[in-house]
Amino acid sequence: MSVTQQYLLDTYRAQRLGEAPPPPPGTHDWQTACELRGYWQFRAVVAERPAHGRLRRALGRWLHPRARSAC
């Protein structure tokens, strides 16, 4: 069953039972993405890692390696 079919079935059931219809698919996608980002930032802070710029810093190290001293 596709998402659209499930939504139509849930809407039909809600209408028959006199309840509020469910939100359409994709309504809360942005909110969910923002909450996930906040969760992962929180986890980074708790684990004592930088919460911002980790990907850019890693790519910078890969693209612009520094000369390492032989110690």
Foldseek 3Di string as FASTA:
>chain_A
DDLVVVLVVQQVVCVVVVHDRDDRPPPCPVVVVVVVLVVQLVVCVVVVHHSPDPVVVVVCCVVDPDDDDDD
